[in-house]
């Protein structure tokens, strides 16, 4: 909402981090820091916060250019009022959809890193660890690999469906009853 040089520096840093695939950066950082749930949470949080920062910035700039925001500023509504009343409700639905996509991507990233031995360490349960341990027995009993894989696919689908439904409910532009 407030434009300045700090915003430009932060957005260029976000752009630099978005240039690389998250799995590659996560593998490098977790490889340097070592496997473990704490390092994994920190890396995933930093990697996916850039997507939210870029989306929130772009949505805010788009809503800020709308006429009703300009009118609100012109009639003397304060910055806090403009942000809470006009901007935040209109940028919330894309952020919710992004949160559901990010939750699904986080599950996939954690499972992939755990499968490679860079994620959580035993005895912490992880679908990636289960699939990694079951790959030795895949030819004798393929269901050891199939069931965790189906559960990963199912939870990703459920999270994405939930996020899309929540967006339809919360988006002010989709409300017909107002």
N, C-alpha and C. Protein backbone atom coordinates (compact mmCIF):
# COMPACT_ATOMS: atom_id res chain seq x y z
N UNK A 1 0.82 -1.18 0.00
CA UNK A 1 0.00 0.00 0.00
C UNK A 1 0.86 1.24 0.00
N UNK A 2 1.89 1.25 0.82
CA UNK A 2 2.82 2.37 0.85
C UNK A 2 3.94 2.05 -0.11
N UNK A 3 4.23 2.96 -0.99
CA UNK A 3 5.25 2.72 -1.99
C UNK A 3 6.54 3.38 -1.56
N UNK A 4 7.68 2.74 -1.86
CA UNK A 4 8.96 3.32 -1.49
C UNK A 4 10.11 2.41 -1.86
N UNK A 5 11.30 2.79 -1.43
CA UNK A 5 12.50 2.05 -1.81
C UNK A 5 12.60 0.72 -1.07
N UNK A 6 12.06 0.64 0.15
CA UNK A 6 12.09 -0.62 0.89
C UNK A 6 11.25 -1.67 0.15
N UNK A 7 10.10 -1.23 -0.35
CA UNK A 7 9.25 -2.13 -1.13
C UNK A 7 9.98 -2.67 -2.35
N UNK A 8 10.71 -1.81 -3.04
CA UNK A 8 11.44 -2.23 -4.23
C UNK A 8 12.53 -3.25 -3.89
N UNK A 9 13.25 -3.02 -2.82
CA UNK A 9 14.31 -3.95 -2.41
C UNK A 9 13.71 -5.31 -2.04
N UNK A 10 12.62 -5.30 -1.26
CA UNK A 10 11.99 -6.56 -0.86
C UNK A 10 11.44 -7.32 -2.06
N UNK A 11 10.84 -6.62 -2.99
CA UNK A 11 10.28 -7.30 -4.17
C UNK A 11 11.38 -7.87 -5.06
N UNK A 12 12.51 -7.20 -5.16
CA UNK A 12 13.62 -7.77 -5.95
C UNK A 12 14.20 -9.00 -5.27
N UNK A 13 14.26 -8.99 -3.94
CA UNK A 13 14.71 -10.17 -3.20
C UNK A 13 13.73 -11.33 -3.40
N UNK A 14 12.45 -11.03 -3.34
CA UNK A 14 11.43 -12.05 -3.59
C UNK A 14 11.55 -12.60 -5.01
N UNK A 15 11.74 -11.71 -5.98
CA UNK A 15 11.90 -12.15 -7.37
C UNK A 15 13.11 -13.06 -7.53
N UNK A 16 14.20 -12.73 -6.84
CA UNK A 16 15.40 -13.56 -6.92
C UNK A 16 15.14 -14.96 -6.36
N UNK A 17 14.41 -15.05 -5.26
CA UNK A 17 14.11 -16.36 -4.68
C UNK A 17 13.11 -17.14 -5.52
N UNK A 18 12.22 -16.44 -6.20
CA UNK A 18 11.22 -17.12 -7.04
C UNK A 18 11.81 -17.66 -8.33
N UNK A 19 13.02 -17.25 -8.67
CA UNK A 19 13.66 -17.72 -9.91
C UNK A 19 14.04 -19.20 -9.84
N UNK A 20 14.24 -19.71 -8.65
CA UNK A 20 14.72 -21.07 -8.49
C UNK A 20 13.57 -22.00 -8.08
N UNK A 21 13.60 -23.24 -8.52
CA UNK A 21 12.57 -24.19 -8.08
C UNK A 21 12.69 -24.45 -6.58
N UNK A 22 11.56 -24.49 -5.87
CA UNK A 22 11.61 -24.69 -4.42
C UNK A 22 12.31 -25.99 -4.01
N UNK A 23 12.13 -27.06 -4.77
CA UNK A 23 12.76 -28.33 -4.39
C UNK A 23 14.27 -28.22 -4.45
N UNK A 24 14.78 -27.49 -5.43
CA UNK A 24 16.23 -27.33 -5.57
C UNK A 24 16.80 -26.51 -4.41
N UNK A 25 16.17 -25.38 -4.11
CA UNK A 25 16.64 -24.57 -2.98
C UNK A 25 16.52 -25.32 -1.67
N UNK A 26 15.42 -26.04 -1.49
CA UNK A 26 15.24 -26.81 -0.26
C UNK A 26 16.30 -27.89 -0.13
N UNK A 27 16.62 -28.56 -1.23
CA UNK A 27 17.65 -29.60 -1.18
C UNK A 27 19.01 -29.01 -0.82
N UNK A 28 19.33 -27.85 -1.37
CA UNK A 28 20.62 -27.22 -1.09
C UNK A 28 20.69 -26.78 0.37
N UNK A 29 19.66 -26.07 0.83
CA UNK A 29 19.70 -25.53 2.20
C UNK A 29 19.64 -26.65 3.23
N UNK A 30 18.74 -27.62 3.04
CA UNK A 30 18.64 -28.72 4.00
C UNK A 30 19.90 -29.58 3.93
N UNK A 31 20.48 -29.70 2.74
CA UNK A 31 21.74 -30.43 2.62
C UNK A 31 22.86 -29.76 3.40
N UNK A 32 22.86 -28.43 3.42
CA UNK A 32 23.88 -27.70 4.19
C UNK A 32 23.59 -27.71 5.69
N UNK A 33 22.33 -27.54 6.07
CA UNK A 33 21.98 -27.47 7.48
C UNK A 33 21.81 -28.84 8.12
N UNK A 34 21.49 -29.83 7.31
CA UNK A 34 21.27 -31.17 7.83
C UNK A 34 19.79 -31.48 7.92
N UNK A 35 19.43 -32.76 7.85
CA UNK A 35 18.02 -33.13 7.91
C UNK A 35 17.46 -32.92 9.32
N UNK A 36 16.20 -32.73 9.38
CA UNK A 36 15.52 -32.53 10.65
C UNK A 36 14.28 -31.70 10.44
N UNK A 37 13.34 -31.84 11.34
CA UNK A 37 12.06 -31.16 11.16
C UNK A 37 12.20 -29.65 11.33
N UNK A 38 13.08 -29.20 12.21
CA UNK A 38 13.25 -27.76 12.42
C UNK A 38 13.80 -27.09 11.18
N UNK A 39 14.85 -27.65 10.62
CA UNK A 39 15.42 -27.08 9.39
C UNK A 39 14.43 -27.14 8.24
N UNK A 40 13.67 -28.20 8.17
CA UNK A 40 12.69 -28.35 7.10
C UNK A 40 11.59 -27.29 7.21
N UNK A 41 11.11 -27.04 8.41
CA UNK A 41 10.07 -26.03 8.61
C UNK A 41 10.59 -24.64 8.26
N UNK A 42 11.81 -24.32 8.66
CA UNK A 42 12.39 -23.02 8.35
C UNK A 42 12.55 -22.84 6.85
N UNK A 43 13.08 -23.84 6.18
CA UNK A 43 13.30 -23.75 4.74
C UNK A 43 11.98 -23.62 3.98
N UNK A 44 11.01 -24.45 4.33
CA UNK A 44 9.72 -24.39 3.64
C UNK A 44 9.04 -23.05 3.91
N UNK A 45 9.11 -22.55 5.13
CA UNK A 45 8.51 -21.26 5.45
C UNK A 45 9.12 -20.12 4.65
N UNK A 46 10.42 -20.11 4.54
CA UNK A 46 11.09 -19.05 3.77
C UNK A 46 10.78 -19.18 2.29
N UNK A 47 10.82 -20.39 1.77
CA UNK A 47 10.59 -20.59 0.34
C UNK A 47 9.19 -20.19 -0.09
N UNK A 48 8.19 -20.58 0.67
CA UNK A 48 6.82 -20.32 0.25
C UNK A 48 6.30 -18.97 0.70
N UNK A 49 6.98 -18.29 1.61
CA UNK A 49 6.55 -16.93 1.98
C UNK A 49 6.77 -15.96 0.83
N UNK A 50 7.72 -16.26 -0.05
CA UNK A 50 7.96 -15.38 -1.20
C UNK A 50 6.76 -15.35 -2.14
N UNK A 51 6.10 -16.48 -2.31
CA UNK A 51 4.93 -16.53 -3.17
C UNK A 51 3.81 -15.67 -2.59
N UNK A 52 3.62 -15.75 -1.28
CA UNK A 52 2.59 -14.92 -0.64
C UNK A 52 2.94 -13.44 -0.72
N UNK A 53 4.20 -13.12 -0.55
CA UNK A 53 4.61 -11.72 -0.63
C UNK A 53 4.35 -11.15 -2.01
N UNK A 54 4.68 -11.89 -3.04
CA UNK A 54 4.47 -11.43 -4.42
C UNK A 54 2.98 -11.30 -4.72
N UNK A 55 2.19 -12.28 -4.32
CA UNK A 55 0.76 -12.25 -4.58
C UNK A 55 0.08 -11.12 -3.81
N UNK A 56 0.43 -10.95 -2.54
CA UNK A 56 -0.17 -9.87 -1.74
C UNK A 56 0.21 -8.51 -2.31
N UNK A 57 1.44 -8.36 -2.75
CA UNK A 57 1.88 -7.09 -3.33
C UNK A 57 1.12 -6.79 -4.62
N UNK A 58 1.04 -7.76 -5.51
CA UNK A 58 0.35 -7.55 -6.79
C UNK A 58 -1.13 -7.28 -6.58
N UNK A 59 -1.76 -8.03 -5.69
CA UNK A 59 -3.19 -7.82 -5.43
C UNK A 59 -3.44 -6.47 -4.78
N UNK A 60 -2.57 -6.08 -3.86
CA UNK A 60 -2.72 -4.78 -3.21
C UNK A 60 -2.58 -3.64 -4.21
N UNK A 61 -1.60 -3.73 -5.08
CA UNK A 61 -1.43 -2.68 -6.08
C UNK A 61 -2.61 -2.63 -7.05
N UNK A 62 -3.19 -3.78 -7.36
CA UNK A 62 -4.35 -3.81 -8.24
C UNK A 62 -5.57 -3.18 -7.56
N UNK A 63 -5.81 -3.54 -6.31
CA UNK A 63 -6.96 -3.00 -5.59
C UNK A 63 -6.74 -1.52 -5.28
N UNK A 64 -5.51 -1.13 -4.99
CA UNK A 64 -5.19 0.27 -4.68
C UNK A 64 -5.53 1.19 -5.85
N UNK A 65 -5.46 0.67 -7.07
CA UNK A 65 -5.74 1.47 -8.26
C UNK A 65 -7.24 1.57 -8.55
N UNK A 66 -8.07 0.86 -7.81
CA UNK A 66 -9.52 0.90 -8.04
C UNK A 66 -10.09 2.25 -7.61
N UNK A 67 -11.20 2.61 -8.22
CA UNK A 67 -11.80 3.92 -7.96
C UNK A 67 -12.31 4.06 -6.54
N UNK A 68 -12.88 3.02 -5.97
CA UNK A 68 -13.43 3.14 -4.63
C UNK A 68 -12.35 3.38 -3.58
N UNK A 69 -11.14 2.88 -3.82
CA UNK A 69 -10.03 3.16 -2.90
C UNK A 69 -9.59 4.61 -3.05
N UNK A 70 -9.51 5.08 -4.29
CA UNK A 70 -9.15 6.47 -4.54
C UNK A 70 -10.18 7.41 -3.91
N UNK A 71 -11.45 7.07 -4.02
CA UNK A 71 -12.51 7.89 -3.42
C UNK A 71 -12.40 7.86 -1.90
N UNK A 72 -12.14 6.70 -1.33
CA UNK A 72 -12.01 6.60 0.12
C UNK A 72 -10.85 7.46 0.63
N UNK A 73 -9.75 7.45 -0.10
CA UNK A 73 -8.60 8.28 0.29
C UNK A 73 -8.96 9.75 0.13
N UNK A 74 -9.68 10.10 -0.94
CA UNK A 74 -10.04 11.49 -1.21
C UNK A 74 -10.99 12.06 -0.16
N UNK A 75 -11.89 11.24 0.37
CA UNK A 75 -12.83 11.75 1.37
C UNK A 75 -12.24 11.74 2.77
N UNK A 76 -11.01 11.30 2.92
CA UNK A 76 -10.32 11.42 4.19
C UNK A 76 -10.28 10.18 5.06
N UNK A 77 -10.60 9.04 4.50
CA UNK A 77 -10.48 7.80 5.28
C UNK A 77 -8.99 7.56 5.52
N UNK A 78 -8.63 7.23 6.72
CA UNK A 78 -7.22 7.02 7.06
C UNK A 78 -6.66 5.76 6.42
N UNK A 79 -5.34 5.65 6.48
CA UNK A 79 -4.67 4.50 5.88
C UNK A 79 -5.16 3.18 6.48
N UNK A 80 -5.30 3.16 7.79
CA UNK A 80 -5.76 1.94 8.46
C UNK A 80 -7.17 1.55 7.99
N UNK A 81 -8.04 2.53 7.85
CA UNK A 81 -9.40 2.26 7.38
C UNK A 81 -9.43 1.76 5.95
N UNK A 82 -8.62 2.36 5.09
CA UNK A 82 -8.56 1.92 3.69
C UNK A 82 -8.04 0.49 3.61
N UNK A 83 -7.01 0.20 4.38
CA UNK A 83 -6.43 -1.14 4.35
C UNK A 83 -7.42 -2.18 4.86
N UNK A 84 -8.03 -1.94 6.03
CA UNK A 84 -8.91 -2.93 6.64
C UNK A 84 -10.27 -3.03 5.96
N UNK A 85 -10.78 -1.92 5.45
CA UNK A 85 -12.14 -1.92 4.89
C UNK A 85 -12.17 -2.21 3.39
N UNK A 86 -11.17 -1.75 2.65
CA UNK A 86 -11.24 -1.84 1.20
C UNK A 86 -10.21 -2.79 0.58
N UNK A 87 -9.00 -2.77 1.09
CA UNK A 87 -7.94 -3.56 0.44
C UNK A 87 -7.93 -5.00 0.94
N UNK A 88 -7.87 -5.20 2.24
CA UNK A 88 -7.74 -6.55 2.79
C UNK A 88 -8.88 -7.50 2.38
N UNK A 89 -10.15 -7.08 2.43
CA UNK A 89 -11.20 -8.01 1.99
C UNK A 89 -11.07 -8.42 0.52
N UNK A 90 -10.49 -7.56 -0.29
CA UNK A 90 -10.39 -7.86 -1.72
C UNK A 90 -9.14 -8.64 -2.09
N UNK A 91 -8.14 -8.67 -1.23
CA UNK A 91 -6.96 -9.48 -1.54
C UNK A 91 -6.96 -10.80 -0.77
N UNK A 92 -7.94 -10.97 0.10
CA UNK A 92 -7.97 -12.16 0.94
C UNK A 92 -8.26 -13.44 0.16
N UNK A 93 -9.18 -13.40 -0.80
CA UNK A 93 -9.53 -14.63 -1.51
C UNK A 93 -8.38 -15.19 -2.34
N UNK A 94 -7.59 -14.38 -3.08
CA UNK A 94 -6.45 -14.99 -3.76
C UNK A 94 -5.42 -15.56 -2.79
N UNK A 95 -5.28 -14.92 -1.62
CA UNK A 95 -4.33 -15.44 -0.64
C UNK A 95 -4.80 -16.76 -0.05
N UNK A 96 -6.10 -16.92 0.11
CA UNK A 96 -6.63 -18.18 0.63
C UNK A 96 -6.42 -19.31 -0.38
N UNK A 97 -6.68 -19.02 -1.64
CA UNK A 97 -6.44 -20.03 -2.67
C UNK A 97 -4.96 -20.38 -2.71
N UNK A 98 -4.10 -19.36 -2.61
CA UNK A 98 -2.66 -19.62 -2.61
C UNK A 98 -2.26 -20.42 -1.38
N UNK A 99 -2.90 -20.17 -0.24
CA UNK A 99 -2.59 -20.94 0.97
C UNK A 99 -2.92 -22.41 0.77
N UNK A 100 -4.04 -22.69 0.12
CA UNK A 100 -4.38 -24.10 -0.11
C UNK A 100 -3.40 -24.74 -1.09
N UNK A 101 -3.04 -24.02 -2.14
CA UNK A 101 -2.05 -24.56 -3.09
C UNK A 101 -0.69 -24.74 -2.42
N UNK A 102 -0.34 -23.80 -1.56
CA UNK A 102 0.95 -23.89 -0.86
C UNK A 102 0.95 -25.03 0.14
N UNK A 103 -0.17 -25.24 0.82
CA UNK A 103 -0.24 -26.37 1.76
C UNK A 103 -0.04 -27.68 1.01
N UNK A 104 -0.67 -27.79 -0.14
CA UNK A 104 -0.50 -29.00 -0.95
C UNK A 104 0.94 -29.14 -1.44
N UNK A 105 1.52 -28.04 -1.90
CA UNK A 105 2.90 -28.08 -2.38
C UNK A 105 3.87 -28.38 -1.23
N UNK A 106 3.55 -27.90 -0.04
CA UNK A 106 4.39 -28.17 1.12
C UNK A 106 4.38 -29.65 1.46
N UNK A 107 3.22 -30.27 1.38
CA UNK A 107 3.14 -31.71 1.63
C UNK A 107 3.97 -32.47 0.61
N UNK A 108 3.86 -32.08 -0.64
CA UNK A 108 4.65 -32.74 -1.69
C UNK A 108 6.15 -32.51 -1.49
N UNK A 109 6.54 -31.28 -1.13
CA UNK A 109 7.95 -30.97 -0.92
C UNK A 109 8.51 -31.75 0.27
N UNK A 110 7.76 -31.77 1.36
CA UNK A 110 8.22 -32.51 2.54
C UNK A 110 8.33 -33.99 2.25
N UNK A 111 7.36 -34.53 1.54
CA UNK A 111 7.40 -35.95 1.20
C UNK A 111 8.59 -36.26 0.29
N UNK A 112 8.82 -35.39 -0.67
CA UNK A 112 9.95 -35.59 -1.58
C UNK A 112 11.29 -35.52 -0.86
N UNK A 113 11.44 -34.53 0.01
CA UNK A 113 12.70 -34.40 0.75
C UNK A 113 12.89 -35.56 1.72
N UNK A 114 11.81 -35.99 2.37
CA UNK A 114 11.92 -37.13 3.28
C UNK A 114 12.23 -38.41 2.53
N UNK A 115 11.67 -38.56 1.34
CA UNK A 115 11.98 -39.72 0.50
C UNK A 115 13.46 -39.76 0.16
N UNK A 116 14.04 -38.58 -0.10
CA UNK A 116 15.46 -38.50 -0.45
C UNK A 116 16.38 -38.56 0.77
N UNK A 117 15.80 -38.54 1.97
CA UNK A 117 16.61 -38.57 3.18
C UNK A 117 17.02 -37.20 3.67
N UNK A 118 16.44 -36.14 3.12
CA UNK A 118 16.78 -34.78 3.52
C UNK A 118 15.71 -34.13 4.37
N UNK A 119 14.62 -34.82 4.63
CA UNK A 119 13.52 -34.25 5.39
C UNK A 119 13.59 -34.66 6.85
N UNK A 120 12.45 -35.08 7.35
CA UNK A 120 12.39 -35.51 8.75
C UNK A 120 13.14 -36.84 8.89
N UNK A 121 13.62 -37.07 10.08
CA UNK A 121 14.38 -38.30 10.34
C UNK A 121 13.53 -39.24 11.20
N UNK A 122 13.74 -40.54 11.05
CA UNK A 122 13.00 -41.50 11.88
C UNK A 122 13.31 -41.24 13.35
N UNK A 123 12.42 -41.42 14.22
CA UNK A 123 11.12 -42.09 14.17
C UNK A 123 9.95 -41.16 13.84
N UNK A 124 10.20 -39.94 13.41
CA UNK A 124 9.11 -39.05 13.03
C UNK A 124 8.40 -39.60 11.80
N UNK A 125 7.07 -39.74 11.85
CA UNK A 125 6.37 -40.32 10.70
C UNK A 125 6.27 -39.33 9.54
N UNK A 126 6.44 -39.84 8.35
CA UNK A 126 6.31 -39.03 7.14
C UNK A 126 5.97 -39.97 5.99
N UNK A 127 5.09 -39.51 5.12
CA UNK A 127 4.74 -40.35 3.98
C UNK A 127 5.93 -40.54 3.06
N UNK A 128 6.78 -39.56 2.98
CA UNK A 128 7.99 -39.70 2.16
C UNK A 128 8.92 -40.76 2.73
N UNK A 129 9.06 -40.80 4.06
CA UNK A 129 9.88 -41.84 4.69
C UNK A 129 9.27 -43.22 4.47
N UNK A 130 7.96 -43.30 4.55
CA UNK A 130 7.29 -44.59 4.35
C UNK A 130 7.52 -45.09 2.92
N UNK A 131 7.38 -44.19 1.96
CA UNK A 131 7.60 -44.59 0.56
C UNK A 131 9.06 -44.94 0.34
N UNK A 132 9.97 -44.18 0.95
CA UNK A 132 11.40 -44.47 0.81
C UNK A 132 11.77 -45.82 1.40
N UNK A 133 11.18 -46.15 2.54
CA UNK A 133 11.47 -47.45 3.15
C UNK A 133 10.81 -48.59 2.37
N UNK A 134 9.67 -48.31 1.75
CA UNK A 134 8.94 -49.36 1.03
C UNK A 134 9.49 -49.62 -0.37
N UNK A 135 10.34 -48.75 -0.87
CA UNK A 135 10.83 -48.97 -2.24
C UNK A 135 11.67 -50.24 -2.36
N UNK A 136 12.27 -50.69 -1.26
CA UNK A 136 13.03 -51.94 -1.29
C UNK A 136 12.12 -53.15 -1.46
N UNK A 137 10.86 -53.01 -1.06
CA UNK A 137 9.91 -54.12 -1.11
C UNK A 137 8.85 -53.92 -2.20
N UNK A 138 9.09 -52.99 -3.11
CA UNK A 138 8.09 -52.62 -4.11
C UNK A 138 7.73 -53.79 -5.03
N UNK A 139 8.69 -54.63 -5.36
CA UNK A 139 8.40 -55.73 -6.28
C UNK A 139 7.69 -56.88 -5.57
N UNK A 140 7.92 -57.06 -4.28
CA UNK A 140 7.24 -58.12 -3.54
C UNK A 140 5.81 -57.72 -3.17
N UNK A 141 5.64 -56.47 -2.75
CA UNK A 141 4.32 -55.98 -2.34
C UNK A 141 4.20 -54.50 -2.71
N UNK A 142 3.70 -54.22 -3.90
CA UNK A 142 3.64 -52.83 -4.37
C UNK A 142 2.68 -51.95 -3.56
N UNK A 143 1.80 -52.55 -2.78
CA UNK A 143 0.87 -51.74 -2.01
C UNK A 143 1.56 -50.92 -0.92
N UNK A 144 2.75 -51.33 -0.51
CA UNK A 144 3.50 -50.54 0.46
C UNK A 144 3.85 -49.16 -0.08
N UNK A 145 3.97 -49.05 -1.38
CA UNK A 145 4.25 -47.76 -2.03
C UNK A 145 2.96 -47.09 -2.49
N UNK A 146 2.01 -47.89 -2.92
CA UNK A 146 0.78 -47.35 -3.50
C UNK A 146 -0.06 -46.61 -2.47
N UNK A 147 -0.25 -47.19 -1.28
CA UNK A 147 -1.13 -46.56 -0.30
C UNK A 147 -0.62 -45.21 0.19
N UNK A 148 0.62 -45.06 0.58
CA UNK A 148 1.07 -43.71 0.97
C UNK A 148 0.99 -42.71 -0.18
N UNK A 149 1.25 -43.18 -1.40
CA UNK A 149 1.16 -42.29 -2.56
C UNK A 149 -0.27 -41.84 -2.80
N UNK A 150 -1.22 -42.76 -2.66
CA UNK A 150 -2.63 -42.40 -2.80
C UNK A 150 -3.08 -41.45 -1.69
N UNK A 151 -2.57 -41.65 -0.50
CA UNK A 151 -2.92 -40.74 0.60
C UNK A 151 -2.37 -39.34 0.35
N UNK A 152 -1.17 -39.25 -0.17
CA UNK A 152 -0.61 -37.94 -0.51
C UNK A 152 -1.47 -37.27 -1.58
N UNK A 153 -1.81 -38.00 -2.62
CA UNK A 153 -2.65 -37.44 -3.69
C UNK A 153 -4.02 -37.04 -3.15
N UNK A 154 -4.59 -37.85 -2.28
CA UNK A 154 -5.91 -37.55 -1.72
C UNK A 154 -5.91 -36.31 -0.85
N UNK A 155 -4.90 -36.17 0.01
CA UNK A 155 -4.86 -35.00 0.88
C UNK A 155 -4.59 -33.73 0.08
N UNK A 156 -3.77 -33.83 -0.95
CA UNK A 156 -3.51 -32.67 -1.81
C UNK A 156 -4.79 -32.25 -2.52
N UNK A 157 -5.53 -33.20 -3.05
CA UNK A 157 -6.79 -32.90 -3.72
C UNK A 157 -7.81 -32.31 -2.74
N UNK A 158 -7.89 -32.86 -1.55
CA UNK A 158 -8.84 -32.35 -0.55
C UNK A 158 -8.50 -30.92 -0.13
N UNK A 159 -7.23 -30.64 0.07
CA UNK A 159 -6.83 -29.28 0.47
C UNK A 159 -7.13 -28.29 -0.65
N UNK A 160 -6.84 -28.65 -1.88
CA UNK A 160 -7.12 -27.75 -3.00
C UNK A 160 -8.62 -27.51 -3.17
N UNK A 161 -9.43 -28.53 -3.01
CA UNK A 161 -10.88 -28.38 -3.10
C UNK A 161 -11.40 -27.50 -1.98
N UNK A 162 -10.90 -27.69 -0.78
CA UNK A 162 -11.31 -26.86 0.36
C UNK A 162 -10.95 -25.40 0.12
N UNK A 163 -9.75 -25.14 -0.37
CA UNK A 163 -9.33 -23.76 -0.63
C UNK A 163 -10.16 -23.10 -1.71
N UNK A 164 -10.52 -23.83 -2.73
CA UNK A 164 -11.34 -23.28 -3.81
C UNK A 164 -12.75 -22.98 -3.31
N UNK A 165 -13.30 -23.85 -2.51
CA UNK A 165 -14.63 -23.63 -1.94
C UNK A 165 -14.62 -22.44 -0.99
N UNK A 166 -13.60 -22.33 -0.18
CA UNK A 166 -13.48 -21.20 0.74
C UNK A 166 -13.34 -19.89 -0.02
N UNK A 167 -12.61 -19.90 -1.11
CA UNK A 167 -12.47 -18.69 -1.93
C UNK A 167 -13.82 -18.28 -2.50
N UNK A 168 -14.59 -19.24 -3.00
CA UNK A 168 -15.91 -18.92 -3.54
C UNK A 168 -16.81 -18.31 -2.48
N UNK A 169 -16.67 -18.74 -1.25
CA UNK A 169 -17.49 -18.22 -0.16
C UNK A 169 -17.04 -16.84 0.29
N UNK A 170 -15.73 -16.59 0.33
CA UNK A 170 -15.20 -15.35 0.90
C UNK A 170 -14.98 -14.22 -0.09
N UNK A 171 -14.93 -14.49 -1.37
CA UNK A 171 -14.61 -13.46 -2.36
C UNK A 171 -15.77 -12.47 -2.48
N UNK A 172 -15.53 -11.18 -2.20
CA UNK A 172 -16.61 -10.20 -2.29
C UNK A 172 -17.16 -10.05 -3.70
N UNK A 173 -16.36 -10.32 -4.71
CA UNK A 173 -16.84 -10.18 -6.09
C UNK A 173 -17.77 -11.31 -6.49
N UNK A 174 -17.74 -12.42 -5.78
CA UNK A 174 -18.59 -13.56 -6.12
C UNK A 174 -19.88 -13.62 -5.30
N UNK A 175 -20.02 -12.71 -4.35
CA UNK A 175 -21.22 -12.71 -3.52
C UNK A 175 -22.37 -12.09 -4.29
N UNK A 176 -23.38 -12.86 -4.54
CA UNK A 176 -24.55 -12.38 -5.27
C UNK A 176 -25.60 -11.78 -4.33
N UNK A 177 -25.51 -12.13 -3.06
CA UNK A 177 -26.55 -11.75 -2.12
C UNK A 177 -26.32 -10.38 -1.50
N UNK A 178 -25.23 -9.70 -1.81
CA UNK A 178 -24.99 -8.37 -1.23
C UNK A 178 -25.59 -7.27 -2.05
